[in-house]
C-alpha atoms as a PDB file:
ATOM      1  CA  UNK A   1     -18.942 -23.712 -15.897  1.00  0.00           C
ATOM      2  CA  UNK A   2     -17.447 -26.531 -17.898  1.00  0.00           C
ATOM      3  CA  UNK A   3     -13.694 -26.829 -18.469  1.00  0.00           C
ATOM      4  CA  UNK A   4     -13.922 -25.444 -22.016  1.00  0.00           C
ATOM      5  CA  UNK A   5     -15.662 -22.263 -20.791  1.00  0.00           C
ATOM      6  CA  UNK A   6     -13.086 -21.871 -18.017  1.00  0.00           C
ATOM      7  CA  UNK A   7     -10.203 -22.234 -20.490  1.00  0.00           C
ATOM      8  CA  UNK A   8     -11.741 -19.617 -22.808  1.00  0.00           C
ATOM      9  CA  UNK A   9     -13.137 -17.096 -20.309  1.00  0.00           C
ATOM     10  CA  UNK A  10     -10.300 -17.289 -17.772  1.00  0.00           C
ATOM     11  CA  UNK A  11      -7.638 -15.652 -20.018  1.00  0.00           C
ATOM     12  CA  UNK A  12     -10.179 -13.085 -21.254  1.00  0.00           C
ATOM     13  CA  UNK A  13     -10.995 -12.081 -17.666  1.00  0.00           C
ATOM     14  CA  UNK A  14      -7.292 -11.784 -16.795  1.00  0.00           C
ATOM     15  CA  UNK A  15      -6.620  -9.763 -19.954  1.00  0.00           C
ATOM     16  CA  UNK A  16      -9.562  -7.461 -19.194  1.00  0.00           C
ATOM     17  CA  UNK A  17      -8.391  -6.915 -15.609  1.00  0.00           C
ATOM     18  CA  UNK A  18      -4.825  -6.220 -16.776  1.00  0.00           C
ATOM     19  CA  UNK A  19      -6.054  -3.730 -19.386  1.00  0.00           C
ATOM     20  CA  UNK A  20      -8.242  -1.961 -16.844  1.00  0.00           C
ATOM     21  CA  UNK A  21      -5.308  -1.736 -14.437  1.00  0.00           C
ATOM     22  CA  UNK A  22      -2.959  -0.392 -17.094  1.00  0.00           C
ATOM     23  CA  UNK A  23      -5.589   2.144 -18.176  1.00  0.00           C
ATOM     24  CA  UNK A  24      -5.806   3.491 -14.630  1.00  0.00           C
ATOM     25  CA  UNK A  25      -2.014   3.670 -14.306  1.00  0.00           C
ATOM     26  CA  UNK A  26      -1.553   5.171 -17.784  1.00  0.00           C
ATOM     27  CA  UNK A  27      -4.153   7.861 -17.154  1.00  0.00           C
ATOM     28  CA  UNK A  28      -3.295   8.701 -13.562  1.00  0.00           C
ATOM     29  CA  UNK A  29      -1.600  12.052 -14.123  1.00  0.00           C
ATOM     30  CA  UNK A  30      -3.482  15.195 -15.159  1.00  0.00           C
ATOM     31  CA  UNK A  31      -0.842  16.084 -17.763  1.00  0.00           C
ATOM     32  CA  UNK A  32      -1.381  12.824 -19.614  1.00  0.00           C
ATOM     33  CA  UNK A  33      -5.142  13.132 -19.432  1.00  0.00           C
ATOM     34  CA  UNK A  34      -5.121  16.579 -21.047  1.00  0.00           C
ATOM     35  CA  UNK A  35      -2.381  16.065 -23.627  1.00  0.00           C
ATOM     36  CA  UNK A  36      -3.216  16.955 -27.214  1.00  0.00           C
ATOM     37  CA  UNK A  37      -0.886  15.988 -30.080  1.00  0.00           C
ATOM     38  CA  UNK A  38      -1.503  17.865 -33.298  1.00  0.00           C
ATOM     39  CA  UNK A  39       0.056  16.907 -36.662  1.00  0.00           C
ATOM     40  CA  UNK A  40       1.102  19.704 -39.009  1.00  0.00           C
ATOM     41  CA  UNK A  41      -1.626  18.592 -41.432  1.00  0.00           C
ATOM     42  CA  UNK A  42      -4.081  20.433 -39.144  1.00  0.00           C
ATOM     43  CA  UNK A  43      -2.251  23.687 -39.889  1.00  0.00           C
ATOM     44  CA  UNK A  44      -2.597  26.214 -42.704  1.00  0.00           C
ATOM     45  CA  UNK A  45      -0.102  28.188 -44.779  1.00  0.00           C
ATOM     46  CA  UNK A  46       0.384  31.589 -46.393  1.00  0.00           C
ATOM     47  CA  UNK A  47      -1.612  31.087 -49.577  1.00  0.00           C
ATOM     48  CA  UNK A  48       0.275  33.744 -51.564  1.00  0.00           C
ATOM     49  CA  UNK A  49       3.304  31.431 -51.596  1.00  0.00           C
ATOM     50  CA  UNK A  50       1.704  27.982 -51.877  1.00  0.00           C
ATOM     51  CA  UNK A  51       4.441  26.766 -54.258  1.00  0.00           C
ATOM     52  CA  UNK A  52       7.046  27.272 -51.516  1.00  0.00           C
ATOM     53  CA  UNK A  53       5.419  24.663 -49.271  1.00  0.00           C
ATOM     54  CA  UNK A  54       5.723  20.894 -49.545  1.00  0.00           C
ATOM     55  CA  UNK A  55       3.317  18.547 -47.767  1.00  0.00           C
ATOM     56  CA  UNK A  56       3.992  14.976 -46.706  1.00  0.00           C
ATOM     57  CA  UNK A  57       3.282  12.513 -43.913  1.00  0.00           C
ATOM     58  CA  UNK A  58       6.271  14.092 -42.152  1.00  0.00           C
ATOM     59  CA  UNK A  59       4.609  17.511 -42.012  1.00  0.00           C
ATOM     60  CA  UNK A  60       4.856  20.837 -43.836  1.00  0.00           C
ATOM     61  CA  UNK A  61       8.203  21.954 -45.267  1.00  0.00           C
ATOM     62  CA  UNK A  62       9.484  25.280 -46.573  1.00  0.00           C
ATOM     63  CA  UNK A  63      10.983  24.541 -50.005  1.00  0.00           C
ATOM     64  CA  UNK A  64      11.677  28.200 -50.782  1.00  0.00           C
ATOM     65  CA  UNK A  65      15.142  28.462 -52.361  1.00  0.00           C
ATOM     66  CA  UNK A  66      17.468  31.227 -53.552  1.00  0.00           C
ATOM     67  CA  UNK A  67      17.321  33.414 -55.457  1.00  0.00           C
ATOM     68  CA  UNK A  68      14.434  34.978 -53.599  1.00  0.00           C
ATOM     69  CA  UNK A  69      14.108  32.259 -50.957  1.00  0.00           C
ATOM     70  CA  UNK A  70      12.665  33.318 -47.638  1.00  0.00           C
ATOM     71  CA  UNK A  71      11.150  32.119 -44.397  1.00  0.00           C
ATOM     72  CA  UNK A  72       7.556  30.886 -44.583  1.00  0.00           C
ATOM     73  CA  UNK A  73       4.909  30.737 -41.875  1.00  0.00           C
ATOM     74  CA  UNK A  74       2.620  27.920 -40.812  1.00  0.00           C
ATOM     75  CA  UNK A  75      -0.498  28.587 -38.693  1.00  0.00           C
ATOM     76  CA  UNK A  76      -1.843  25.931 -36.307  1.00  0.00           C
ATOM     77  CA  UNK A  77      -4.977  26.227 -34.156  1.00  0.00           C
ATOM     78  CA  UNK A  78      -4.216  25.426 -30.513  1.00  0.00           C
ATOM     79  CA  UNK A  79      -6.742  23.127 -28.799  1.00  0.00           C
ATOM     80  CA  UNK A  80      -7.383  23.935 -25.166  1.00  0.00           C
ATOM     81  CA  UNK A  81      -9.877  21.916 -23.170  1.00  0.00           C
ATOM     82  CA  UNK A  82     -11.015  24.801 -20.983  1.00  0.00           C
ATOM     83  CA  UNK A  83      -9.777  27.972 -22.630  1.00  0.00           C
ATOM     84  CA  UNK A  84     -10.167  29.686 -25.971  1.00  0.00           C
ATOM     85  CA  UNK A  85     -13.927  29.658 -26.098  1.00  0.00           C
ATOM     86  CA  UNK A  86     -16.577  32.145 -25.122  1.00  0.00           C
ATOM     87  CA  UNK A  87     -16.822  32.929 -21.382  1.00  0.00           C
ATOM     88  CA  UNK A  88     -13.973  30.667 -20.286  1.00  0.00           C
ATOM     89  CA  UNK A  89     -11.954  31.957 -17.369  1.00  0.00           C
ATOM     90  CA  UNK A  90      -8.698  30.029 -17.558  1.00  0.00           C
ATOM     91  CA  UNK A  91      -6.446  27.985 -19.810  1.00  0.00           C
ATOM     92  CA  UNK A  92      -4.999  24.563 -19.025  1.00  0.00           C
ATOM     93  CA  UNK A  93      -2.027  24.887 -21.387  1.00  0.00           C
ATOM     94  CA  UNK A  94       1.168  24.741 -19.346  1.00  0.00           C
ATOM     95  CA  UNK A  95       3.483  23.047 -21.868  1.00  0.00           C
ATOM     96  CA  UNK A  96       3.663  23.591 -25.626  1.00  0.00           C
ATOM     97  CA  UNK A  97       6.199  21.508 -27.551  1.00  0.00           C
ATOM     98  CA  UNK A  98       6.855  22.362 -31.200  1.00  0.00           C
ATOM     99  CA  UNK A  99       8.544  19.655 -33.284  1.00  0.00           C
ATOM    100  CA  UNK A 100      10.223  19.644 -36.663  1.00  0.00           C
ATOM    101  CA  UNK A 101      13.527  19.917 -38.506  1.00  0.00           C
ATOM    102  CA  UNK A 102      15.759  22.939 -39.141  1.00  0.00           C
ATOM    103  CA  UNK A 103      18.017  22.382 -42.160  1.00  0.00           C
ATOM    104  CA  UNK A 104      19.334  25.939 -42.553  1.00  0.00           C
ATOM    105  CA  UNK A 105      22.699  26.515 -40.847  1.00  0.00           C
ATOM    106  CA  UNK A 106      23.232  30.124 -41.973  1.00  0.00           C
ATOM    107  CA  UNK A 107      23.935  32.942 -39.516  1.00  0.00           C
ATOM    108  CA  UNK A 108      20.739  34.270 -37.878  1.00  0.00           C
ATOM    109  CA  UNK A 109      19.217  37.498 -39.146  1.00  0.00           C
ATOM    110  CA  UNK A 110      17.656  39.165 -36.095  1.00  0.00           C
ATOM    111  CA  UNK A 111      16.054  42.028 -38.039  1.00  0.00           C
ATOM    112  CA  UNK A 112      14.462  40.200 -41.002  1.00  0.00           C
ATOM    113  CA  UNK A 113      12.462  37.034 -40.220  1.00  0.00           C
ATOM    114  CA  UNK A 114      12.190  36.170 -43.911  1.00  0.00           C
ATOM    115  CA  UNK A 115      15.983  35.801 -44.018  1.00  0.00           C
ATOM    116  CA  UNK A 116      16.468  34.347 -40.534  1.00  0.00           C
ATOM    117  CA  UNK A 117      18.034  30.883 -40.424  1.00  0.00           C
ATOM    118  CA  UNK A 118      16.375  29.913 -37.138  1.00  0.00           C
ATOM    119  CA  UNK A 119      13.028  28.175 -36.739  1.00  0.00           C
ATOM    120  CA  UNK A 120      10.868  30.534 -34.672  1.00  0.00           C
ATOM    121  CA  UNK A 121       7.435  30.470 -33.050  1.00  0.00           C
ATOM    122  CA  UNK A 122       4.872  32.789 -31.543  1.00  0.00           C
ATOM    123  CA  UNK A 123       1.231  32.591 -30.544  1.00  0.00           C
ATOM    124  CA  UNK A 124      -1.557  34.871 -31.674  1.00  0.00           C
ATOM    125  CA  UNK A 125      -5.079  35.297 -30.312  1.00  0.00           C
ATOM    126  CA  UNK A 126      -8.270  36.708 -31.747  1.00  0.00           C
ATOM    127  CA  UNK A 127     -11.517  37.409 -29.949  1.00  0.00           C
ATOM    128  CA  UNK A 128     -14.733  35.745 -31.037  1.00  0.00           C
ATOM    129  CA  UNK A 129     -16.063  39.230 -31.869  1.00  0.00           C
ATOM    130  CA  UNK A 130     -13.591  39.501 -34.750  1.00  0.00           C
ATOM    131  CA  UNK A 131     -11.210  42.183 -33.464  1.00  0.00           C
ATOM    132  CA  UNK A 132      -7.709  42.180 -35.014  1.00  0.00           C
ATOM    133  CA  UNK A 133      -5.354  39.445 -33.836  1.00  0.00           C
ATOM    134  CA  UNK A 134      -2.798  40.118 -31.112  1.00  0.00           C
ATOM    135  CA  UNK A 135       0.524  38.246 -31.075  1.00  0.00           C
ATOM    136  CA  UNK A 136       3.227  37.272 -28.583  1.00  0.00           C
ATOM    137  CA  UNK A 137       6.983  37.652 -28.892  1.00  0.00           C
ATOM    138  CA  UNK A 138       8.817  35.395 -31.330  1.00  0.00           C
ATOM    139  CA  UNK A 139      10.888  32.724 -29.568  1.00  0.00           C
ATOM    140  CA  UNK A 140      13.597  30.424 -30.896  1.00  0.00           C
ATOM    141  CA  UNK A 141      12.854  26.807 -31.663  1.00  0.00           C
ATOM    142  CA  UNK A 142      16.465  26.482 -32.814  1.00  0.00           C
ATOM    143  CA  UNK A 143      19.329  28.869 -32.189  1.00  0.00           C
ATOM    144  CA  UNK A 144      22.366  30.078 -34.085  1.00  0.00           C
ATOM    145  CA  UNK A 145      23.486  27.795 -36.876  1.00  0.00           C
ATOM    146  CA  UNK A 146      21.849  24.667 -35.402  1.00  0.00           C
ATOM    147  CA  UNK A 147      20.619  22.048 -37.866  1.00  0.00           C
ATOM    148  CA  UNK A 148      18.606  18.920 -37.222  1.00  0.00           C
ATOM    149  CA  UNK A 149      15.463  17.812 -35.432  1.00  0.00           C
ATOM    150  CA  UNK A 150      13.947  19.953 -32.697  1.00  0.00           C
ATOM    151  CA  UNK A 151      11.269  19.354 -30.077  1.00  0.00           C
ATOM    152  CA  UNK A 152      11.187  22.632 -28.172  1.00  0.00           C
ATOM    153  CA  UNK A 153       9.004  23.530 -25.222  1.00  0.00           C
ATOM    154  CA  UNK A 154       8.152  27.159 -25.908  1.00  0.00           C
ATOM    155  CA  UNK A 155       6.511  27.390 -22.478  1.00  0.00           C
ATOM    156  CA  UNK A 156      10.091  27.600 -21.162  1.00  0.00           C
ATOM    157  CA  UNK A 157       9.968  31.249 -22.248  1.00  0.00           C
ATOM    158  CA  UNK A 158       8.115  32.774 -19.309  1.00  0.00           C
ATOM    159  CA  UNK A 159       7.951  36.534 -19.952  1.00  0.00           C
ATOM    160  CA  UNK A 160       4.503  38.147 -19.982  1.00  0.00           C
ATOM    161  CA  UNK A 161       4.475  38.507 -23.777  1.00  0.00           C
ATOM    162  CA  UNK A 162       6.038  35.098 -24.495  1.00  0.00           C
ATOM    163  CA  UNK A 163       3.865  32.481 -26.273  1.00  0.00           C
ATOM    164  CA  UNK A 164       2.277  30.424 -23.476  1.00  0.00           C
ATOM    165  CA  UNK A 165       1.821  33.184 -20.852  1.00  0.00           C
ATOM    166  CA  UNK A 166       0.348  35.283 -23.665  1.00  0.00           C
ATOM    167  CA  UNK A 167      -2.255  32.626 -24.575  1.00  0.00           C
ATOM    168  CA  UNK A 168      -3.111  32.176 -20.888  1.00  0.00           C
ATOM    169  CA  UNK A 169      -3.726  35.921 -20.596  1.00  0.00           C
ATOM    170  CA  UNK A 170      -6.502  35.663 -23.234  1.00  0.00           C
ATOM    171  CA  UNK A 171      -8.507  32.560 -22.243  1.00  0.00           C
ATOM    172  CA  UNK A 172     -11.655  33.694 -24.051  1.00  0.00           C
ATOM    173  CA  UNK A 173      -9.886  34.140 -27.413  1.00  0.00           C
ATOM    174  CA  UNK A 174      -9.148  31.757 -30.267  1.00  0.00           C
ATOM    175  CA  UNK A 175      -5.448  30.983 -30.222  1.00  0.00           C
ATOM    176  CA  UNK A 176      -3.050  29.913 -32.943  1.00  0.00           C
ATOM    177  CA  UNK A 177       0.577  28.795 -33.015  1.00  0.00           C
ATOM    178  CA  UNK A 178       2.615  30.522 -35.738  1.00  0.00           C
ATOM    179  CA  UNK A 179       5.867  28.843 -36.846  1.00  0.00           C
ATOM    180  CA  UNK A 180       8.374  30.643 -39.075  1.00  0.00           C
ATOM    181  CA  UNK A 181      10.384  28.037 -41.025  1.00  0.00           C
ATOM    182  CA  UNK A 182      13.694  29.154 -42.570  1.00  0.00           C
ATOM    183  CA  UNK A 183      14.272  28.900 -46.315  1.00  0.00           C
ATOM    184  CA  UNK A 184      15.997  25.928 -47.942  1.00  0.00           C
ATOM    185  CA  UNK A 185      19.416  25.398 -46.379  1.00  0.00           C
ATOM    186  CA  UNK A 186      22.533  23.343 -46.963  1.00  0.00           C
ATOM    187  CA  UNK A 187      20.773  20.241 -45.607  1.00  0.00           C
ATOM    188  CA  UNK A 188      17.515  20.780 -47.488  1.00  0.00           C
ATOM    189  CA  UNK A 189      14.053  21.860 -46.417  1.00  0.00           C
ATOM    190  CA  UNK A 190      13.094  22.852 -42.894  1.00  0.00           C
ATOM    191  CA  UNK A 191       9.770  21.452 -41.761  1.00  0.00           C
ATOM    192  CA  UNK A 192       7.138  21.445 -39.034  1.00  0.00           C
ATOM    193  CA  UNK A 193       6.036  17.993 -37.849  1.00  0.00           C
ATOM    194  CA  UNK A 194       3.457  19.247 -35.366  1.00  0.00           C
ATOM    195  CA  UNK A 195       3.062  20.221 -31.733  1.00  0.00           C
ATOM    196  CA  UNK A 196       1.739  18.916 -28.446  1.00  0.00           C
ATOM    197  CA  UNK A 197       0.169  20.583 -25.447  1.00  0.00           C
ATOM    198  CA  UNK A 198      -0.301  19.584 -21.821  1.00  0.00           C
END
């Protein structure tokens, strides 16, 4: 090789080797290899109340205000690389983070989700044969009068009927994350940014 070729190809070879090495290091753990990050734009809403939702690059917000303001639900399909398809025998979802903002600091209403000030989540599953959906317990993404950003791992709730154990119990079903966003609060709209699974 002449000196020009060496000067040009040498840095390219080093860069390629460095990139290959960083790829191996960056993808060494199973959790990183199976991570799926889903933006709220992949989700759907309750169509009866479409005017109560606001869409932006930040996600989906509940703009429902008083009088008559209430919690609104967002439905997000959960990708699972080995579960949630016909004849699968297990699910690889072990962590499920739900991210967004809770701007309602009112006192929680534990008996009426439409008036609850907390951001809540559950999972639901439906078989490919079309039987009615089954749903897990609701769990708190935010608690009490909390306001601000949240990034909550709902897999931390480990009871049989809690969201992640529930999905894992139905590996051959289609699963969906359901997020209940509180109505407009003193700090504005509450919103769902998205979620991630491992």
